[in-house]
Amino acid sequence: MKKLQKKVTFVGRPFPDQLMDEQKTFNQSNMEMEQNQVFQDFIAKNDLTNTRSNMVVFGPENFMYWYGVIAPNEVEVPKGLMKFVLPEAQVAITEKDNQNISFFSQPLNMVISQFLAAVAAEGIKIYQNPGDSLTPYVVQTLNFATKKLTQELYLEDSH
């Protein structure tokens, strides 16, 4: 359930928590990214068409939602997309099989709270408010080819 995650670069776009819809999803933001030609060109050029990721960066009062892909660390990011470099750190990790893109359409509050409950059930110490952590990141990555979804919570204990 714990592993050392190397430094990775998330490439996509951030969306403020106010853009979450009534169903507590970011479907509109996700669709906007899927229809974004710059994003489609970027993933095609970098051979990343088989994966998608989302990331939640928690703050003390709110959070920022990102949608995109995990890309090579030295990647050239085109205008219109942003990158967020995640540090090398210990992560709590779970995997789910037989998932598809509709996973990202589920209510974010339920997905995150179920994941954090599973992490806590493993005896891993987590903050009641993840925004209080020095590493307030949850990253979820779906591999379309294997239908495997990986969820990672960044932990403060470094190695």
N, C-alpha and C. Protein backbone atom coordinates (compact mmCIF):
# COMPACT_ATOMS: atom_id res chain seq x y z
N MET A 1 0.82 -1.21 0.00
CA MET A 1 0.00 0.00 0.00
C MET A 1 0.85 1.26 0.00
N LYS A 2 2.13 1.16 0.41
CA LYS A 2 3.02 2.32 0.37
C LYS A 2 4.15 2.05 -0.61
N LYS A 3 4.56 3.09 -1.32
CA LYS A 3 5.72 2.94 -2.19
C LYS A 3 6.38 4.29 -2.37
N LEU A 4 7.62 4.25 -2.83
CA LEU A 4 8.33 5.48 -3.14
C LEU A 4 7.97 5.88 -4.56
N GLN A 5 7.38 7.05 -4.71
CA GLN A 5 7.02 7.56 -6.03
C GLN A 5 8.11 8.53 -6.47
N LYS A 6 8.69 8.27 -7.62
CA LYS A 6 9.69 9.19 -8.17
C LYS A 6 9.02 10.52 -8.52
N LYS A 7 9.85 11.54 -8.72
CA LYS A 7 9.34 12.84 -9.15
C LYS A 7 8.61 12.66 -10.48
N VAL A 8 7.42 13.20 -10.59
CA VAL A 8 6.67 13.14 -11.84
C VAL A 8 6.12 14.52 -12.19
N THR A 9 5.79 14.68 -13.44
CA THR A 9 5.25 15.95 -13.92
C THR A 9 3.83 15.72 -14.42
N PHE A 10 2.91 16.45 -13.83
CA PHE A 10 1.51 16.41 -14.25
C PHE A 10 1.32 17.53 -15.27
N VAL A 11 0.79 17.21 -16.43
CA VAL A 11 0.54 18.22 -17.46
C VAL A 11 -0.95 18.23 -17.76
N GLY A 12 -1.53 19.40 -17.71
CA GLY A 12 -2.96 19.54 -17.97
C GLY A 12 -3.39 20.95 -17.64
N ARG A 13 -4.56 21.04 -17.04
CA ARG A 13 -5.06 22.35 -16.63
C ARG A 13 -5.69 22.25 -15.26
N PRO A 14 -5.52 23.29 -14.44
CA PRO A 14 -6.19 23.34 -13.14
C PRO A 14 -7.56 23.99 -13.26
N PHE A 15 -8.46 23.54 -12.41
CA PHE A 15 -9.81 24.08 -12.35
C PHE A 15 -10.14 24.35 -10.89
N PRO A 16 -10.60 25.57 -10.56
CA PRO A 16 -10.93 25.86 -9.16
C PRO A 16 -12.13 25.03 -8.68
N ASP A 17 -12.18 24.79 -7.38
CA ASP A 17 -13.24 23.95 -6.82
C ASP A 17 -14.64 24.51 -7.10
N GLN A 18 -14.76 25.81 -7.37
CA GLN A 18 -16.08 26.39 -7.67
C GLN A 18 -16.67 25.83 -8.96
N LEU A 19 -15.85 25.22 -9.83
CA LEU A 19 -16.36 24.66 -11.09
C LEU A 19 -16.98 23.27 -10.91
N MET A 20 -16.93 22.74 -9.69
CA MET A 20 -17.56 21.45 -9.43
C MET A 20 -19.07 21.61 -9.59
N ASP A 21 -19.71 20.67 -10.30
CA ASP A 21 -21.15 20.80 -10.54
C ASP A 21 -21.97 20.28 -9.37
N GLU A 22 -23.28 20.30 -9.53
CA GLU A 22 -24.18 19.89 -8.44
C GLU A 22 -24.01 18.43 -8.06
N GLN A 23 -23.53 17.62 -9.00
CA GLN A 23 -23.30 16.19 -8.70
C GLN A 23 -21.91 15.97 -8.07
N LYS A 24 -21.21 17.06 -7.79
CA LYS A 24 -19.86 17.02 -7.20
C LYS A 24 -18.85 16.41 -8.16
N THR A 25 -19.04 16.67 -9.47
CA THR A 25 -18.09 16.18 -10.47
C THR A 25 -17.48 17.36 -11.21
N PHE A 26 -16.47 17.05 -11.99
CA PHE A 26 -15.83 18.02 -12.87
C PHE A 26 -16.01 17.58 -14.32
N ASN A 27 -17.16 16.97 -14.63
CA ASN A 27 -17.41 16.47 -15.98
C ASN A 27 -17.20 17.53 -17.05
N GLN A 28 -17.70 18.74 -16.79
CA GLN A 28 -17.57 19.81 -17.78
C GLN A 28 -16.09 20.14 -18.02
N SER A 29 -15.32 20.22 -16.96
CA SER A 29 -13.88 20.52 -17.08
C SER A 29 -13.17 19.40 -17.82
N ASN A 30 -13.51 18.14 -17.48
CA ASN A 30 -12.88 17.00 -18.13
C ASN A 30 -13.19 17.01 -19.64
N MET A 31 -14.46 17.26 -19.97
CA MET A 31 -14.85 17.29 -21.39
C MET A 31 -14.16 18.43 -22.13
N GLU A 32 -14.04 19.55 -21.45
CA GLU A 32 -13.34 20.70 -22.04
C GLU A 32 -11.91 20.31 -22.40
N MET A 33 -11.25 19.58 -21.52
CA MET A 33 -9.87 19.14 -21.78
C MET A 33 -9.83 18.11 -22.91
N GLU A 34 -10.76 17.16 -22.91
CA GLU A 34 -10.78 16.13 -23.95
C GLU A 34 -11.03 16.74 -25.33
N GLN A 35 -11.73 17.87 -25.37
CA GLN A 35 -12.02 18.53 -26.64
C GLN A 35 -10.98 19.60 -26.99
N ASN A 36 -9.99 19.77 -26.13
CA ASN A 36 -8.96 20.79 -26.33
C ASN A 36 -7.91 20.25 -27.31
N GLN A 37 -7.77 20.91 -28.45
CA GLN A 37 -6.86 20.42 -29.49
C GLN A 37 -5.41 20.47 -29.04
N VAL A 38 -5.03 21.48 -28.27
CA VAL A 38 -3.65 21.56 -27.76
C VAL A 38 -3.35 20.35 -26.89
N PHE A 39 -4.29 19.97 -26.02
CA PHE A 39 -4.11 18.80 -25.16
C PHE A 39 -4.04 17.53 -26.01
N GLN A 40 -4.94 17.37 -26.97
CA GLN A 40 -4.94 16.18 -27.82
C GLN A 40 -3.63 16.07 -28.61
N ASP A 41 -3.15 17.19 -29.13
CA ASP A 41 -1.88 17.18 -29.87
C ASP A 41 -0.72 16.82 -28.94
N PHE A 42 -0.75 17.36 -27.72
CA PHE A 42 0.31 17.09 -26.75
C PHE A 42 0.38 15.61 -26.41
N ILE A 43 -0.77 14.99 -26.10
CA ILE A 43 -0.74 13.57 -25.71
C ILE A 43 -0.38 12.68 -26.90
N ALA A 44 -0.79 13.07 -28.10
CA ALA A 44 -0.43 12.29 -29.28
C ALA A 44 1.08 12.38 -29.53
N LYS A 45 1.62 13.59 -29.46
CA LYS A 45 3.05 13.82 -29.72
C LYS A 45 3.93 13.09 -28.70
N ASN A 46 3.46 12.99 -27.45
CA ASN A 46 4.27 12.39 -26.37
C ASN A 46 3.86 10.96 -26.05
N ASP A 47 3.07 10.34 -26.93
CA ASP A 47 2.65 8.95 -26.78
C ASP A 47 1.97 8.70 -25.42
N LEU A 48 1.03 9.59 -25.08
CA LEU A 48 0.32 9.51 -23.80
C LEU A 48 -1.18 9.31 -23.99
N THR A 49 -1.60 8.88 -25.18
CA THR A 49 -3.03 8.77 -25.46
C THR A 49 -3.70 7.67 -24.65
N ASN A 50 -2.93 6.74 -24.09
CA ASN A 50 -3.51 5.62 -23.36
C ASN A 50 -3.73 5.89 -21.87
N THR A 51 -3.45 7.09 -21.41
CA THR A 51 -3.65 7.38 -19.99
C THR A 51 -4.33 8.73 -19.80
N ARG A 52 -4.99 8.85 -18.65
CA ARG A 52 -5.51 10.13 -18.19
C ARG A 52 -5.31 10.16 -16.69
N SER A 53 -5.14 11.35 -16.17
CA SER A 53 -4.99 11.51 -14.73
C SER A 53 -5.79 12.71 -14.27
N ASN A 54 -6.16 12.64 -13.01
CA ASN A 54 -6.65 13.85 -12.36
C ASN A 54 -5.89 13.98 -11.05
N MET A 55 -5.86 15.18 -10.55
CA MET A 55 -5.12 15.44 -9.33
C MET A 55 -5.91 16.46 -8.53
N VAL A 56 -5.94 16.25 -7.23
CA VAL A 56 -6.54 17.21 -6.34
C VAL A 56 -5.42 17.75 -5.45
N VAL A 57 -5.24 19.06 -5.49
CA VAL A 57 -4.26 19.73 -4.63
C VAL A 57 -5.08 20.45 -3.57
N PHE A 58 -4.99 19.94 -2.34
CA PHE A 58 -5.79 20.49 -1.24
C PHE A 58 -5.13 21.69 -0.62
N GLY A 59 -5.94 22.63 -0.21
CA GLY A 59 -5.49 23.77 0.57
C GLY A 59 -6.23 23.75 1.90
N PRO A 60 -5.90 24.64 2.82
CA PRO A 60 -6.58 24.66 4.12
C PRO A 60 -8.09 24.89 4.00
N GLU A 61 -8.52 25.70 3.03
CA GLU A 61 -9.93 26.06 2.90
C GLU A 61 -10.60 25.47 1.67
N ASN A 62 -9.84 25.18 0.62
CA ASN A 62 -10.42 24.73 -0.63
C ASN A 62 -9.44 23.80 -1.35
N PHE A 63 -9.72 23.52 -2.61
CA PHE A 63 -8.81 22.67 -3.37
C PHE A 63 -8.81 23.09 -4.83
N MET A 64 -7.80 22.61 -5.55
CA MET A 64 -7.71 22.83 -6.99
C MET A 64 -7.75 21.45 -7.65
N TYR A 65 -8.56 21.34 -8.67
CA TYR A 65 -8.70 20.08 -9.42
C TYR A 65 -7.92 20.22 -10.73
N TRP A 66 -7.10 19.22 -11.04
CA TRP A 66 -6.35 19.21 -12.29
C TRP A 66 -6.81 18.01 -13.11
N TYR A 67 -6.83 18.19 -14.42
CA TYR A 67 -7.12 17.08 -15.33
C TYR A 67 -6.07 17.09 -16.42
N GLY A 68 -5.52 15.91 -16.73
CA GLY A 68 -4.49 15.83 -17.76
C GLY A 68 -3.83 14.47 -17.76
N VAL A 69 -2.50 14.49 -17.82
CA VAL A 69 -1.71 13.25 -17.87
C VAL A 69 -0.43 13.41 -17.05
N ILE A 70 0.12 12.27 -16.64
CA ILE A 70 1.46 12.25 -16.07
C ILE A 70 2.41 12.12 -17.26
N ALA A 71 3.34 13.06 -17.36
CA ALA A 71 4.22 13.14 -18.53
C ALA A 71 5.68 12.99 -18.10
N PRO A 72 6.58 12.78 -19.07
CA PRO A 72 8.01 12.75 -18.73
C PRO A 72 8.42 14.06 -18.05
N ASN A 73 9.38 13.95 -17.13
CA ASN A 73 9.76 15.14 -16.35
C ASN A 73 10.36 16.26 -17.20
N GLU A 74 11.00 15.92 -18.30
CA GLU A 74 11.65 16.95 -19.12
C GLU A 74 10.82 17.34 -20.33
N VAL A 75 9.52 17.24 -20.22
CA VAL A 75 8.65 17.48 -21.37
C VAL A 75 8.45 18.97 -21.64
N GLU A 76 8.32 19.31 -22.91
CA GLU A 76 8.01 20.67 -23.34
C GLU A 76 6.49 20.85 -23.26
N VAL A 77 6.05 21.81 -22.46
CA VAL A 77 4.61 22.02 -22.27
C VAL A 77 4.13 23.15 -23.18
N PRO A 78 3.17 22.86 -24.05
CA PRO A 78 2.70 23.89 -24.99
C PRO A 78 1.89 24.98 -24.29
N LYS A 79 1.82 26.12 -24.94
CA LYS A 79 1.00 27.23 -24.44
C LYS A 79 -0.45 26.75 -24.36
N GLY A 80 -1.10 27.06 -23.25
CA GLY A 80 -2.48 26.62 -23.05
C GLY A 80 -2.58 25.46 -22.06
N LEU A 81 -1.46 24.81 -21.80
CA LEU A 81 -1.43 23.76 -20.78
C LEU A 81 -0.46 24.20 -19.70
N MET A 82 -0.60 23.59 -18.53
CA MET A 82 0.30 23.91 -17.43
C MET A 82 0.90 22.62 -16.89
N LYS A 83 2.02 22.77 -16.18
CA LYS A 83 2.60 21.59 -15.55
C LYS A 83 2.72 21.81 -14.06
N PHE A 84 2.68 20.70 -13.34
CA PHE A 84 2.82 20.71 -11.89
C PHE A 84 3.78 19.58 -11.57
N VAL A 85 4.94 19.92 -11.01
CA VAL A 85 5.94 18.90 -10.70
C VAL A 85 5.68 18.37 -9.29
N LEU A 86 5.42 17.09 -9.21
CA LEU A 86 5.20 16.44 -7.92
C LEU A 86 6.54 15.89 -7.43
N PRO A 87 6.86 16.10 -6.16
CA PRO A 87 8.17 15.68 -5.64
C PRO A 87 8.27 14.17 -5.47
N GLU A 88 9.50 13.68 -5.40
CA GLU A 88 9.69 12.29 -5.01
C GLU A 88 9.21 12.17 -3.57
N ALA A 89 8.38 11.18 -3.31
CA ALA A 89 7.81 11.05 -1.96
C ALA A 89 7.23 9.66 -1.77
N GLN A 90 7.00 9.33 -0.51
CA GLN A 90 6.24 8.12 -0.19
C GLN A 90 4.79 8.40 -0.54
N VAL A 91 4.14 7.42 -1.14
CA VAL A 91 2.71 7.55 -1.42
C VAL A 91 1.99 6.32 -0.90
N ALA A 92 0.76 6.54 -0.48
CA ALA A 92 -0.15 5.43 -0.20
C ALA A 92 -0.84 5.16 -1.53
N ILE A 93 -0.88 3.91 -1.94
CA ILE A 93 -1.36 3.60 -3.29
C ILE A 93 -2.36 2.46 -3.28
N THR A 94 -3.41 2.60 -4.07
CA THR A 94 -4.36 1.51 -4.28
C THR A 94 -4.58 1.39 -5.78
N GLU A 95 -4.99 0.21 -6.21
CA GLU A 95 -5.28 -0.02 -7.62
C GLU A 95 -6.65 -0.64 -7.74
N LYS A 96 -7.36 -0.22 -8.76
CA LYS A 96 -8.68 -0.79 -9.07
C LYS A 96 -8.64 -1.31 -10.50
N ASP A 97 -9.17 -2.52 -10.70
CA ASP A 97 -9.21 -3.11 -12.04
C ASP A 97 -10.54 -2.80 -12.73
N ASN A 98 -10.56 -3.03 -14.03
CA ASN A 98 -11.77 -2.89 -14.85
C ASN A 98 -12.41 -1.51 -14.74
N GLN A 99 -11.60 -0.48 -14.82
CA GLN A 99 -12.10 0.89 -14.78
C GLN A 99 -12.04 1.50 -16.18
N ASN A 100 -12.81 2.54 -16.39
CA ASN A 100 -12.74 3.26 -17.66
C ASN A 100 -12.87 4.75 -17.40
N ILE A 101 -12.91 5.52 -18.46
CA ILE A 101 -12.91 6.98 -18.33
C ILE A 101 -14.08 7.49 -17.49
N SER A 102 -15.15 6.72 -17.41
CA SER A 102 -16.30 7.18 -16.61
C SER A 102 -15.97 7.26 -15.12
N PHE A 103 -14.86 6.63 -14.69
CA PHE A 103 -14.44 6.78 -13.29
C PHE A 103 -14.31 8.26 -12.93
N PHE A 104 -13.79 9.05 -13.87
CA PHE A 104 -13.57 10.48 -13.60
C PHE A 104 -14.87 11.27 -13.58
N SER A 105 -16.00 10.60 -13.85
CA SER A 105 -17.31 11.26 -13.81
C SER A 105 -18.03 11.02 -12.49
N GLN A 106 -17.44 10.25 -11.61
CA GLN A 106 -18.07 9.98 -10.32
C GLN A 106 -17.91 11.19 -9.40
N PRO A 107 -18.82 11.34 -8.43
CA PRO A 107 -18.69 12.45 -7.48
C PRO A 107 -17.32 12.42 -6.78
N LEU A 108 -16.60 13.50 -6.94
CA LEU A 108 -15.22 13.56 -6.43
C LEU A 108 -15.17 13.38 -4.92
N ASN A 109 -16.14 13.97 -4.20
CA ASN A 109 -16.11 13.87 -2.73
C ASN A 109 -16.23 12.40 -2.29
N MET A 110 -17.03 11.60 -2.99
CA MET A 110 -17.17 10.19 -2.62
C MET A 110 -15.91 9.40 -2.97
N VAL A 111 -15.38 9.63 -4.17
CA VAL A 111 -14.18 8.91 -4.61
C VAL A 111 -13.01 9.18 -3.66
N ILE A 112 -12.80 10.45 -3.34
CA ILE A 112 -11.67 10.82 -2.47
C ILE A 112 -11.89 10.31 -1.05
N SER A 113 -13.10 10.45 -0.52
CA SER A 113 -13.32 10.01 0.87
C SER A 113 -13.21 8.49 0.99
N GLN A 114 -13.67 7.74 -0.02
CA GLN A 114 -13.51 6.27 0.02
C GLN A 114 -12.04 5.89 -0.04
N PHE A 115 -11.29 6.57 -0.90
CA PHE A 115 -9.85 6.30 -1.01
C PHE A 115 -9.13 6.62 0.31
N LEU A 116 -9.41 7.80 0.88
CA LEU A 116 -8.76 8.18 2.14
C LEU A 116 -9.15 7.23 3.27
N ALA A 117 -10.39 6.76 3.28
CA ALA A 117 -10.82 5.79 4.30
C ALA A 117 -10.05 4.48 4.14
N ALA A 118 -9.83 4.05 2.90
CA ALA A 118 -9.07 2.81 2.66
C ALA A 118 -7.62 2.97 3.11
N VAL A 119 -7.05 4.15 2.87
CA VAL A 119 -5.67 4.42 3.32
C VAL A 119 -5.60 4.38 4.84
N ALA A 120 -6.54 5.05 5.51
CA ALA A 120 -6.57 5.09 6.97
C ALA A 120 -6.78 3.69 7.55
N ALA A 121 -7.59 2.87 6.88
CA ALA A 121 -7.86 1.51 7.34
C ALA A 121 -6.60 0.65 7.32
N GLU A 122 -5.63 1.04 6.49
CA GLU A 122 -4.34 0.33 6.43
C GLU A 122 -3.41 0.78 7.56
N GLY A 123 -3.88 1.70 8.39
CA GLY A 123 -3.07 2.17 9.50
C GLY A 123 -2.12 3.29 9.13
N ILE A 124 -2.31 3.86 7.96
CA ILE A 124 -1.46 4.97 7.52
C ILE A 124 -2.07 6.27 8.03
N LYS A 125 -1.22 7.06 8.68
CA LYS A 125 -1.68 8.32 9.28
C LYS A 125 -1.97 9.33 8.17
N ILE A 126 -3.19 9.87 8.20
CA ILE A 126 -3.54 10.91 7.24
C ILE A 126 -4.15 12.08 8.00
N TYR A 127 -4.09 13.23 7.38
CA TYR A 127 -4.68 14.42 7.98
C TYR A 127 -6.19 14.40 7.79
N GLN A 128 -6.90 14.87 8.80
CA GLN A 128 -8.35 15.00 8.66
C GLN A 128 -8.65 15.95 7.50
N ASN A 129 -7.89 17.04 7.41
CA ASN A 129 -7.96 17.94 6.26
C ASN A 129 -6.66 17.76 5.49
N PRO A 130 -6.70 17.10 4.33
CA PRO A 130 -5.46 16.88 3.57
C PRO A 130 -4.72 18.17 3.24
N GLY A 131 -5.42 19.31 3.27
CA GLY A 131 -4.78 20.59 3.00
C GLY A 131 -3.80 21.01 4.07
N ASP A 132 -3.82 20.34 5.23
CA ASP A 132 -2.86 20.65 6.29
C ASP A 132 -1.51 19.95 6.07
N SER A 133 -1.47 19.02 5.14
CA SER A 133 -0.24 18.27 4.85
C SER A 133 0.74 19.13 4.06
N LEU A 134 2.02 18.82 4.18
CA LEU A 134 3.03 19.48 3.36
C LEU A 134 2.99 18.95 1.93
N THR A 135 2.38 17.79 1.74
CA THR A 135 2.24 17.18 0.41
C THR A 135 0.75 16.88 0.18
N PRO A 136 -0.06 17.92 -0.07
CA PRO A 136 -1.53 17.76 -0.12
C PRO A 136 -2.06 17.30 -1.48
N TYR A 137 -1.52 16.17 -1.99
CA TYR A 137 -1.86 15.74 -3.34
C TYR A 137 -2.50 14.36 -3.36
N VAL A 138 -3.57 14.23 -4.14
CA VAL A 138 -4.13 12.93 -4.49
C VAL A 138 -4.11 12.88 -6.00
N VAL A 139 -3.47 11.83 -6.54
CA VAL A 139 -3.37 11.67 -7.99
C VAL A 139 -4.03 10.35 -8.37
N GLN A 140 -4.88 10.41 -9.39
CA GLN A 140 -5.56 9.21 -9.88
C GLN A 140 -5.23 9.07 -11.36
N THR A 141 -4.71 7.91 -11.73
CA THR A 141 -4.29 7.70 -13.11
C THR A 141 -4.96 6.44 -13.66
N LEU A 142 -5.55 6.58 -14.83
CA LEU A 142 -6.21 5.47 -15.50
C LEU A 142 -5.41 5.09 -16.74
N ASN A 143 -5.10 3.79 -16.86
CA ASN A 143 -4.45 3.26 -18.05
C ASN A 143 -5.55 2.61 -18.88
N PHE A 144 -5.82 3.17 -20.05
CA PHE A 144 -6.90 2.65 -20.90
C PHE A 144 -6.62 1.23 -21.38
N ALA A 145 -5.35 0.91 -21.64
CA ALA A 145 -5.00 -0.40 -22.18
C ALA A 145 -5.25 -1.51 -21.16
N THR A 146 -4.86 -1.28 -19.91
CA THR A 146 -5.00 -2.32 -18.87
C THR A 146 -6.29 -2.15 -18.07
N LYS A 147 -6.98 -1.01 -18.24
CA LYS A 147 -8.19 -0.68 -17.46
C LYS A 147 -7.90 -0.62 -15.96
N LYS A 148 -6.64 -0.33 -15.63
CA LYS A 148 -6.24 -0.24 -14.24
C LYS A 148 -6.19 1.22 -13.80
N LEU A 149 -6.83 1.50 -12.67
CA LEU A 149 -6.82 2.83 -12.09
C LEU A 149 -5.93 2.81 -10.85
N THR A 150 -5.01 3.74 -10.78
CA THR A 150 -4.12 3.86 -9.63
C THR A 150 -4.47 5.14 -8.88
N GLN A 151 -4.64 5.02 -7.56
CA GLN A 151 -4.89 6.19 -6.72
C GLN A 151 -3.70 6.34 -5.78
N GLU A 152 -3.17 7.55 -5.69
CA GLU A 152 -2.02 7.82 -4.83
C GLU A 152 -2.28 9.02 -3.93
N LEU A 153 -1.97 8.84 -2.66
CA LEU A 153 -1.98 9.94 -1.70
C LEU A 153 -0.55 10.20 -1.29
N TYR A 154 -0.09 11.42 -1.52
CA TYR A 154 1.29 11.76 -1.13
C TYR A 154 1.37 11.90 0.37
N LEU A 155 2.39 11.26 0.95
CA LEU A 155 2.59 11.25 2.40
C LEU A 155 3.78 12.13 2.76
N GLU A 156 3.78 12.62 3.98
CA GLU A 156 4.86 13.52 4.39
C GLU A 156 6.17 12.81 4.68
N ASP A 157 6.10 11.56 5.20
CA ASP A 157 7.38 10.89 5.52
C ASP A 157 8.09 10.62 4.21
N SER A 158 9.23 11.25 4.02
CA SER A 158 9.84 11.30 2.71
C SER A 158 10.37 9.95 2.20
N HIS A 159 11.14 9.20 2.95
CA HIS A 159 11.69 7.97 2.34
C HIS A 159 11.55 6.77 3.24
